[in-house]
């Protein structure tokens, strides 16, 4: 599977629409970017696609009904609970920020993710 890389413009736009809030951090993920709150991802880039994770079924349905919205992630294995926002919304950052903020609020209500234990190193 080929993982697409985002353009510098996409990275800049992504960082601009992620709210500054307690527990929020933007980290690289497989050559893309992810926005996390308390260890749980609520928004991400996959190539130039910006996706959000929504927990609430009503929010997922509302966003899914918007033309241009689609699955987020690899075509052969899209990420469940995430939707890619319409590309033309790049010209409407306020609208993008609304959905990113909704994702932050919903995912921020989840329990903090516990870090995974590291596997012991193998001796050579």
N, C-alpha and C. Protein backbone atom coordinates (compact mmCIF):
# COMPACT_ATOMS: atom_id res chain seq x y z
N UNK A 1 0.85 -1.18 0.00
CA UNK A 1 0.00 0.00 0.00
C UNK A 1 0.89 1.24 0.00
N UNK A 2 0.63 2.12 -0.93
CA UNK A 2 1.36 3.38 -1.04
C UNK A 2 0.65 4.43 -0.19
N UNK A 3 1.37 5.02 0.76
CA UNK A 3 0.79 6.06 1.62
C UNK A 3 1.11 7.42 1.00
N UNK A 4 0.07 8.20 0.64
CA UNK A 4 0.33 9.51 0.03
C UNK A 4 0.90 10.49 1.05
N UNK A 5 1.68 11.41 0.59
CA UNK A 5 2.28 12.44 1.44
C UNK A 5 1.53 13.75 1.24
N UNK A 6 1.31 14.51 2.31
CA UNK A 6 0.64 15.80 2.16
C UNK A 6 1.61 16.86 1.64
N UNK A 7 1.05 17.84 0.97
CA UNK A 7 1.85 18.98 0.53
C UNK A 7 2.15 19.88 1.74
N UNK A 8 3.11 20.74 1.59
CA UNK A 8 3.42 21.69 2.68
C UNK A 8 2.22 22.60 2.95
N UNK A 9 1.47 22.97 1.89
CA UNK A 9 0.27 23.78 2.07
C UNK A 9 -0.77 23.04 2.92
N UNK A 10 -0.93 21.75 2.67
CA UNK A 10 -1.88 20.95 3.44
C UNK A 10 -1.47 20.88 4.91
N UNK A 11 -0.18 20.70 5.16
CA UNK A 11 0.32 20.65 6.54
C UNK A 11 0.07 21.98 7.25
N UNK A 12 0.35 23.06 6.55
CA UNK A 12 0.14 24.39 7.12
C UNK A 12 -1.34 24.64 7.42
N UNK A 13 -2.21 24.28 6.47
CA UNK A 13 -3.65 24.43 6.66
C UNK A 13 -4.12 23.59 7.86
N UNK A 14 -3.65 22.36 7.93
CA UNK A 14 -4.03 21.46 9.02
C UNK A 14 -3.67 22.08 10.38
N UNK A 15 -2.44 22.53 10.49
CA UNK A 15 -2.01 23.13 11.77
C UNK A 15 -2.84 24.37 12.10
N UNK A 16 -3.26 25.12 11.09
CA UNK A 16 -4.03 26.35 11.30
C UNK A 16 -5.44 26.08 11.81
N UNK A 17 -6.03 24.92 11.47
CA UNK A 17 -7.41 24.64 11.87
C UNK A 17 -7.50 23.80 13.14
N UNK A 18 -6.36 23.36 13.67
CA UNK A 18 -6.37 22.59 14.92
C UNK A 18 -6.38 23.57 16.09
N UNK A 19 -7.40 23.49 16.95
CA UNK A 19 -7.48 24.42 18.08
C UNK A 19 -6.34 24.21 19.08
N UNK A 20 -5.93 25.31 19.69
CA UNK A 20 -4.99 25.23 20.79
C UNK A 20 -5.81 25.01 22.05
N UNK A 21 -5.65 23.84 22.65
CA UNK A 21 -6.43 23.48 23.83
C UNK A 21 -5.60 22.53 24.69
N UNK A 22 -5.94 22.44 25.98
CA UNK A 22 -5.20 21.53 26.85
C UNK A 22 -5.28 20.09 26.33
N UNK A 23 -4.14 19.42 26.34
CA UNK A 23 -4.09 18.02 25.93
C UNK A 23 -4.00 17.80 24.44
N UNK A 24 -4.07 18.87 23.62
CA UNK A 24 -4.03 18.74 22.15
C UNK A 24 -2.59 18.83 21.66
N UNK A 25 -2.22 17.88 20.81
CA UNK A 25 -0.91 17.94 20.17
C UNK A 25 -0.99 17.40 18.75
N UNK A 26 -0.16 17.95 17.89
CA UNK A 26 -0.06 17.51 16.50
C UNK A 26 1.24 16.73 16.38
N UNK A 27 1.14 15.50 15.84
CA UNK A 27 2.32 14.64 15.72
C UNK A 27 2.37 14.03 14.31
N UNK A 28 3.59 13.74 13.85
CA UNK A 28 3.72 13.04 12.56
C UNK A 28 3.23 11.61 12.69
N UNK A 29 2.58 11.13 11.63
CA UNK A 29 2.09 9.76 11.56
C UNK A 29 2.27 9.22 10.16
N UNK A 30 3.17 8.30 9.98
CA UNK A 30 3.38 7.64 8.69
C UNK A 30 3.55 8.64 7.54
N UNK A 31 4.31 9.70 7.78
CA UNK A 31 4.54 10.71 6.77
C UNK A 31 3.44 11.75 6.66
N UNK A 32 2.40 11.62 7.46
CA UNK A 32 1.29 12.57 7.48
C UNK A 32 1.26 13.22 8.87
N UNK A 33 0.17 13.86 9.22
CA UNK A 33 0.02 14.48 10.54
C UNK A 33 -1.26 14.00 11.20
N UNK A 34 -1.22 13.89 12.52
CA UNK A 34 -2.42 13.57 13.29
C UNK A 34 -2.55 14.55 14.44
N UNK A 35 -3.78 14.89 14.79
CA UNK A 35 -4.04 15.76 15.95
C UNK A 35 -4.68 14.89 17.02
N UNK A 36 -4.12 14.95 18.22
CA UNK A 36 -4.52 14.09 19.31
C UNK A 36 -4.95 14.92 20.51
N UNK A 37 -5.90 14.37 21.27
CA UNK A 37 -6.28 14.95 22.55
C UNK A 37 -6.22 13.80 23.56
N UNK A 38 -5.44 13.98 24.58
CA UNK A 38 -5.25 12.96 25.62
C UNK A 38 -4.90 11.60 25.02
N UNK A 39 -4.11 11.62 23.94
CA UNK A 39 -3.64 10.39 23.31
C UNK A 39 -4.56 9.80 22.26
N UNK A 40 -5.76 10.35 22.09
CA UNK A 40 -6.72 9.86 21.10
C UNK A 40 -6.73 10.79 19.88
N UNK A 41 -6.62 10.22 18.69
CA UNK A 41 -6.62 11.03 17.48
C UNK A 41 -8.03 11.51 17.16
N UNK A 42 -8.15 12.83 16.87
CA UNK A 42 -9.46 13.39 16.50
C UNK A 42 -9.46 13.98 15.10
N UNK A 43 -8.30 14.19 14.52
CA UNK A 43 -8.21 14.72 13.15
C UNK A 43 -6.88 14.28 12.56
N UNK A 44 -6.84 14.19 11.23
CA UNK A 44 -5.59 13.79 10.61
C UNK A 44 -5.54 14.16 9.14
N UNK A 45 -4.33 14.04 8.62
CA UNK A 45 -4.10 14.21 7.18
C UNK A 45 -3.75 12.85 6.61
N UNK A 46 -4.28 12.55 5.45
CA UNK A 46 -3.89 11.38 4.67
C UNK A 46 -3.68 11.92 3.27
N UNK A 47 -2.43 12.16 2.93
CA UNK A 47 -2.15 12.91 1.71
C UNK A 47 -2.66 14.32 1.95
N UNK A 48 -3.45 14.83 1.00
CA UNK A 48 -4.02 16.16 1.17
C UNK A 48 -5.43 16.13 1.74
N UNK A 49 -5.94 14.94 2.06
CA UNK A 49 -7.28 14.82 2.66
C UNK A 49 -7.20 15.08 4.16
N UNK A 50 -8.10 15.92 4.64
CA UNK A 50 -8.21 16.19 6.07
C UNK A 50 -9.43 15.44 6.58
N UNK A 51 -9.23 14.60 7.58
CA UNK A 51 -10.32 13.80 8.13
C UNK A 51 -10.53 14.08 9.60
N UNK A 52 -11.75 13.86 10.06
CA UNK A 52 -12.10 14.04 11.47
C UNK A 52 -12.77 12.77 11.98
N UNK A 53 -12.60 12.53 13.27
CA UNK A 53 -13.24 11.39 13.92
C UNK A 53 -14.43 11.91 14.71
N UNK A 54 -15.59 11.35 14.42
CA UNK A 54 -16.81 11.75 15.13
C UNK A 54 -17.37 10.52 15.85
N UNK A 55 -17.72 10.70 17.10
CA UNK A 55 -18.24 9.62 17.93
C UNK A 55 -19.76 9.57 17.84
N UNK A 56 -20.37 10.73 17.82
CA UNK A 56 -21.83 10.86 17.82
C UNK A 56 -22.40 10.48 16.46
N UNK A 57 -23.35 9.52 16.46
CA UNK A 57 -23.96 9.05 15.20
C UNK A 57 -24.65 10.18 14.44
N UNK A 58 -25.29 11.10 15.16
CA UNK A 58 -25.98 12.21 14.49
C UNK A 58 -24.97 13.10 13.75
N UNK A 59 -23.83 13.35 14.37
CA UNK A 59 -22.79 14.17 13.72
C UNK A 59 -22.22 13.45 12.51
N UNK A 60 -21.97 12.15 12.66
CA UNK A 60 -21.46 11.36 11.53
C UNK A 60 -22.44 11.40 10.36
N UNK A 61 -23.72 11.22 10.65
CA UNK A 61 -24.74 11.23 9.59
C UNK A 61 -24.84 12.60 8.94
N UNK A 62 -24.79 13.65 9.75
CA UNK A 62 -24.89 15.01 9.22
C UNK A 62 -23.72 15.30 8.28
N UNK A 63 -22.51 14.94 8.69
CA UNK A 63 -21.35 15.21 7.85
C UNK A 63 -21.36 14.30 6.61
N UNK A 64 -21.74 13.06 6.79
CA UNK A 64 -21.78 12.11 5.67
C UNK A 64 -22.72 12.58 4.55
N UNK A 65 -23.76 13.33 4.93
CA UNK A 65 -24.74 13.79 3.94
C UNK A 65 -24.25 14.99 3.13
N UNK A 66 -23.11 15.57 3.50
CA UNK A 66 -22.57 16.73 2.78
C UNK A 66 -21.85 16.24 1.52
N UNK A 67 -22.22 16.78 0.35
CA UNK A 67 -21.53 16.39 -0.89
C UNK A 67 -20.03 16.66 -0.80
N UNK A 68 -19.24 15.70 -1.27
CA UNK A 68 -17.79 15.84 -1.24
C UNK A 68 -17.14 15.18 -0.04
N UNK A 69 -17.95 14.80 0.95
CA UNK A 69 -17.42 14.09 2.12
C UNK A 69 -17.27 12.62 1.75
N UNK A 70 -16.22 11.99 2.27
CA UNK A 70 -16.02 10.58 1.93
C UNK A 70 -15.22 9.85 2.98
N UNK A 71 -14.87 8.61 2.68
CA UNK A 71 -14.07 7.83 3.62
C UNK A 71 -12.69 8.45 3.79
N UNK A 72 -12.09 8.21 4.93
CA UNK A 72 -10.77 8.76 5.25
C UNK A 72 -9.78 7.63 5.43
N UNK A 73 -8.63 7.76 4.81
CA UNK A 73 -7.58 6.76 4.92
C UNK A 73 -7.42 5.99 3.63
N UNK A 74 -6.70 4.88 3.70
CA UNK A 74 -6.47 4.08 2.48
C UNK A 74 -7.78 3.59 1.89
N UNK A 75 -7.90 3.62 0.58
CA UNK A 75 -9.13 3.19 -0.11
C UNK A 75 -9.49 1.75 0.24
N UNK A 76 -8.47 0.89 0.34
CA UNK A 76 -8.75 -0.51 0.63
C UNK A 76 -9.05 -0.78 2.11
N UNK A 77 -8.80 0.23 2.96
CA UNK A 77 -9.07 0.04 4.39
C UNK A 77 -9.28 1.39 5.07
N UNK A 78 -10.42 2.07 4.79
CA UNK A 78 -10.67 3.38 5.40
C UNK A 78 -10.82 3.26 6.92
N UNK A 79 -10.53 4.34 7.60
CA UNK A 79 -10.58 4.36 9.06
C UNK A 79 -12.02 4.53 9.53
N UNK A 80 -12.49 3.61 10.35
CA UNK A 80 -13.85 3.66 10.89
C UNK A 80 -14.05 4.85 11.81
N UNK A 81 -15.20 5.50 11.69
CA UNK A 81 -15.50 6.64 12.53
C UNK A 81 -14.91 7.95 12.03
N UNK A 82 -14.12 7.90 10.97
CA UNK A 82 -13.49 9.10 10.40
C UNK A 82 -14.12 9.39 9.04
N UNK A 83 -14.25 10.67 8.74
CA UNK A 83 -14.69 11.10 7.41
C UNK A 83 -13.75 12.17 6.90
N UNK A 84 -13.44 12.12 5.60
CA UNK A 84 -12.65 13.16 4.95
C UNK A 84 -13.57 14.32 4.61
N UNK A 85 -13.13 15.51 4.95
CA UNK A 85 -13.91 16.71 4.66
C UNK A 85 -13.78 17.05 3.17
N UNK A 86 -14.79 17.70 2.60
CA UNK A 86 -14.71 18.08 1.18
C UNK A 86 -13.50 18.97 0.90
N UNK A 87 -12.79 18.67 -0.17
CA UNK A 87 -11.60 19.42 -0.53
C UNK A 87 -11.86 20.90 -0.76
N UNK A 88 -13.05 21.23 -1.29
CA UNK A 88 -13.33 22.65 -1.56
C UNK A 88 -13.50 23.47 -0.28
N UNK A 89 -13.62 22.82 0.85
CA UNK A 89 -13.72 23.54 2.13
C UNK A 89 -12.41 24.23 2.49
N UNK A 90 -11.35 23.95 1.76
CA UNK A 90 -10.08 24.66 1.99
C UNK A 90 -10.29 26.16 1.88
N UNK A 91 -11.29 26.56 1.07
CA UNK A 91 -11.59 27.98 0.90
C UNK A 91 -12.51 28.50 2.00
N UNK A 92 -12.90 27.64 2.93
CA UNK A 92 -13.80 28.01 4.03
C UNK A 92 -13.27 27.44 5.34
N UNK A 93 -12.12 27.98 5.81
CA UNK A 93 -11.49 27.42 7.01
C UNK A 93 -12.40 27.44 8.25
N UNK A 94 -13.35 28.39 8.30
CA UNK A 94 -14.26 28.43 9.45
C UNK A 94 -15.12 27.17 9.50
N UNK A 95 -15.56 26.73 8.35
CA UNK A 95 -16.38 25.52 8.29
C UNK A 95 -15.56 24.29 8.70
N UNK A 96 -14.32 24.23 8.24
CA UNK A 96 -13.42 23.13 8.62
C UNK A 96 -13.20 23.17 10.13
N UNK A 97 -12.94 24.35 10.66
CA UNK A 97 -12.69 24.50 12.09
C UNK A 97 -13.90 24.05 12.92
N UNK A 98 -15.11 24.30 12.41
CA UNK A 98 -16.32 23.83 13.11
C UNK A 98 -16.30 22.33 13.31
N UNK A 99 -15.99 21.60 12.24
CA UNK A 99 -16.00 20.13 12.31
C UNK A 99 -14.81 19.60 13.10
N UNK A 100 -13.66 20.25 12.96
CA UNK A 100 -12.49 19.84 13.74
C UNK A 100 -12.77 20.06 15.23
N UNK A 101 -13.40 21.17 15.56
CA UNK A 101 -13.75 21.46 16.96
C UNK A 101 -14.77 20.46 17.49
N UNK A 102 -15.74 20.07 16.66
CA UNK A 102 -16.72 19.05 17.07
C UNK A 102 -16.02 17.73 17.34
N UNK A 103 -15.07 17.36 16.48
CA UNK A 103 -14.31 16.13 16.68
C UNK A 103 -13.49 16.20 17.97
N UNK A 104 -12.85 17.34 18.20
CA UNK A 104 -12.08 17.53 19.43
C UNK A 104 -12.97 17.36 20.66
N UNK A 105 -14.14 17.98 20.64
CA UNK A 105 -15.06 17.89 21.77
C UNK A 105 -15.50 16.45 22.01
N UNK A 106 -15.87 15.76 20.94
CA UNK A 106 -16.37 14.39 21.09
C UNK A 106 -15.27 13.41 21.52
N UNK A 107 -14.13 13.48 20.87
CA UNK A 107 -13.03 12.58 21.20
C UNK A 107 -12.40 12.96 22.54
N UNK A 108 -12.43 14.26 22.86
CA UNK A 108 -11.90 14.71 24.14
C UNK A 108 -12.68 14.18 25.33
N UNK A 109 -13.93 13.74 25.10
CA UNK A 109 -14.75 13.17 26.17
C UNK A 109 -14.40 11.70 26.44
N UNK A 110 -13.60 11.09 25.56
CA UNK A 110 -13.19 9.70 25.77
C UNK A 110 -12.15 9.63 26.88
N UNK A 111 -12.00 8.47 27.52
CA UNK A 111 -10.94 8.33 28.52
C UNK A 111 -9.57 8.49 27.86
N UNK A 112 -8.60 9.04 28.58
CA UNK A 112 -7.26 9.17 28.01
C UNK A 112 -6.72 7.80 27.59
N UNK A 113 -6.01 7.80 26.49
CA UNK A 113 -5.43 6.56 25.98
C UNK A 113 -4.18 6.24 26.81
N UNK A 114 -4.08 5.01 27.24
CA UNK A 114 -2.91 4.59 28.01
C UNK A 114 -1.80 4.20 27.04
N UNK A 115 -0.57 4.65 27.33
CA UNK A 115 0.53 4.27 26.43
C UNK A 115 0.75 2.76 26.46
N UNK A 116 1.10 2.22 25.31
CA UNK A 116 1.38 0.79 25.22
C UNK A 116 2.73 0.50 25.85
N UNK A 117 2.82 -0.65 26.50
CA UNK A 117 4.10 -1.07 27.08
C UNK A 117 5.06 -1.42 25.95
N UNK A 118 6.29 -1.06 26.13
CA UNK A 118 7.29 -1.37 25.12
C UNK A 118 7.68 -2.84 25.20
N UNK A 119 7.86 -3.42 24.05
CA UNK A 119 8.31 -4.82 23.99
C UNK A 119 9.77 -4.89 24.44
N UNK A 120 10.13 -5.94 25.15
CA UNK A 120 11.53 -6.06 25.56
C UNK A 120 12.43 -6.21 24.34
N UNK A 121 13.61 -5.66 24.45
CA UNK A 121 14.58 -5.76 23.35
C UNK A 121 15.12 -7.17 23.25
N UNK A 122 15.30 -7.59 22.02
CA UNK A 122 15.89 -8.91 21.79
C UNK A 122 17.39 -8.80 21.85
N UNK A 123 18.00 -9.79 22.47
CA UNK A 123 19.46 -9.81 22.54
C UNK A 123 20.00 -10.38 21.24
N UNK A 124 21.07 -9.78 20.77
CA UNK A 124 21.69 -10.22 19.50
C UNK A 124 22.44 -11.50 19.66
